[in-house]
């Protein structure tokens, strides 16, 4: 088994911190599957965005994709402009290099 650069938790933590410096337009690009795939090689959007006023139940239900599978987590939630953002949980060894490259591009 190969060594991973990051654990899933480390990826989520690092990205959640890094995106706080992105513009609203750049952040919103990661709500799209195509941009998330191009940048991180993931098959679902990096972020899920819901209104901050959502109840805990509404937020929990929002984490599920169209098949009812939970794809995001609120563990690294952040808010901006009245919206809460959850981050993708689907990270594999093949994604590590993409994450590393993206993080370095922000330095």
Protein backbone atom coordinates (compact mmCIF):
# COMPACT_ATOMS: atom_id res chain seq x y z
CA UNK A 1 0.00 0.00 0.00
CA UNK A 2 1.38 3.39 -0.96
CA UNK A 3 1.95 6.21 1.46
CA UNK A 4 -0.48 9.07 1.18
CA UNK A 5 0.64 12.68 1.25
CA UNK A 6 -2.41 13.70 3.28
CA UNK A 7 -5.15 12.00 5.23
CA UNK A 8 -8.74 12.86 4.32
CA UNK A 9 -9.00 14.97 7.46
CA UNK A 10 -5.83 16.90 6.59
CA UNK A 11 -7.15 17.60 3.10
CA UNK A 12 -10.44 18.90 4.47
CA UNK A 13 -8.70 21.05 7.10
CA UNK A 14 -6.16 22.54 4.68
CA UNK A 15 -8.71 23.34 2.00
CA UNK A 16 -11.19 24.85 4.48
CA UNK A 17 -8.47 27.23 5.70
CA UNK A 18 -7.11 28.03 2.23
CA UNK A 19 -10.46 28.96 0.66
CA UNK A 20 -11.07 31.69 3.20
CA UNK A 21 -8.70 33.82 1.13
CA UNK A 22 -10.48 33.16 -2.18
CA UNK A 23 -12.83 35.63 -3.78
CA UNK A 24 -16.54 34.80 -3.78
CA UNK A 25 -16.35 34.06 -7.52
CA UNK A 26 -13.43 31.66 -7.10
CA UNK A 27 -15.11 29.97 -4.15
CA UNK A 28 -18.33 29.50 -6.12
CA UNK A 29 -16.41 27.72 -8.89
CA UNK A 30 -15.94 24.85 -6.44
CA UNK A 31 -19.70 24.38 -6.21
CA UNK A 32 -19.48 22.94 -9.72
CA UNK A 33 -18.62 19.34 -10.41
CA UNK A 34 -16.60 20.21 -13.52
CA UNK A 35 -14.27 22.66 -11.77
CA UNK A 36 -13.82 20.38 -8.78
CA UNK A 37 -12.95 17.50 -11.12
CA UNK A 38 -10.45 19.61 -13.07
CA UNK A 39 -8.67 20.96 -9.99
CA UNK A 40 -8.85 18.01 -7.56
CA UNK A 41 -9.91 15.00 -9.67
CA UNK A 42 -13.00 14.45 -7.51
CA UNK A 43 -16.35 13.39 -8.91
CA UNK A 44 -18.63 15.67 -6.87
CA UNK A 45 -18.41 19.39 -6.12
CA UNK A 46 -15.80 20.36 -3.54
CA UNK A 47 -18.36 22.34 -1.56
CA UNK A 48 -22.02 22.20 -0.71
CA UNK A 49 -23.57 25.63 -0.04
CA UNK A 50 -26.74 26.17 1.97
CA UNK A 51 -28.33 29.21 3.62
CA UNK A 52 -26.98 29.82 7.14
CA UNK A 53 -30.51 29.71 8.53
CA UNK A 54 -30.89 25.99 7.68
CA UNK A 55 -31.73 23.86 10.69
CA UNK A 56 -29.44 21.02 11.74
CA UNK A 57 -31.88 18.57 10.11
CA UNK A 58 -31.91 20.52 6.84
CA UNK A 59 -28.12 20.69 6.87
CA UNK A 60 -27.84 16.95 7.53
CA UNK A 61 -30.24 16.15 4.69
CA UNK A 62 -28.36 18.43 2.31
CA UNK A 63 -25.19 16.31 2.67
CA UNK A 64 -26.73 13.51 0.63
CA UNK A 65 -26.29 13.26 -3.12
CA UNK A 66 -29.06 12.28 -5.54
CA UNK A 67 -28.57 8.60 -4.55
CA UNK A 68 -28.86 9.35 -0.84
CA UNK A 69 -25.12 8.92 -0.17
CA UNK A 70 -23.44 11.40 2.16
CA UNK A 71 -20.69 13.15 0.15
CA UNK A 72 -19.91 16.22 2.30
CA UNK A 73 -19.29 17.01 5.96
CA UNK A 74 -19.99 19.97 8.22
CA UNK A 75 -16.89 19.17 10.34
CA UNK A 76 -14.91 21.96 8.63
CA UNK A 77 -17.86 24.25 8.00
CA UNK A 78 -17.30 27.89 7.26
CA UNK A 79 -19.71 30.71 6.48
CA UNK A 80 -19.65 33.55 4.01
CA UNK A 81 -22.28 36.06 2.88
CA UNK A 82 -25.14 34.32 4.68
CA UNK A 83 -24.29 30.82 3.46
CA UNK A 84 -22.70 27.82 5.15
CA UNK A 85 -20.29 25.58 3.25
CA UNK A 86 -19.69 21.87 3.79
CA UNK A 87 -16.64 20.17 2.27
CA UNK A 88 -16.32 17.00 0.21
CA UNK A 89 -15.43 13.79 2.05
CA UNK A 90 -14.52 11.68 -0.97
CA UNK A 91 -10.70 11.74 -1.07
CA UNK A 92 -8.38 9.01 -2.29
CA UNK A 93 -4.62 8.61 -2.78
CA UNK A 94 -4.93 9.76 -6.40
CA UNK A 95 -6.26 13.14 -5.22
CA UNK A 96 -3.30 13.95 -2.96
CA UNK A 97 -1.05 15.34 -5.71
CA UNK A 98 -3.89 17.53 -7.00
CA UNK A 99 -4.49 18.91 -3.50
CA UNK A 100 -0.79 19.52 -2.96
CA UNK A 101 -0.44 21.32 -6.32
CA UNK A 102 -3.48 23.51 -5.62
CA UNK A 103 -2.30 24.44 -2.13
CA UNK A 104 1.13 25.37 -3.51
CA UNK A 105 -0.50 27.53 -6.19
CA UNK A 106 -2.05 29.66 -3.44
CA UNK A 107 1.27 30.41 -1.74
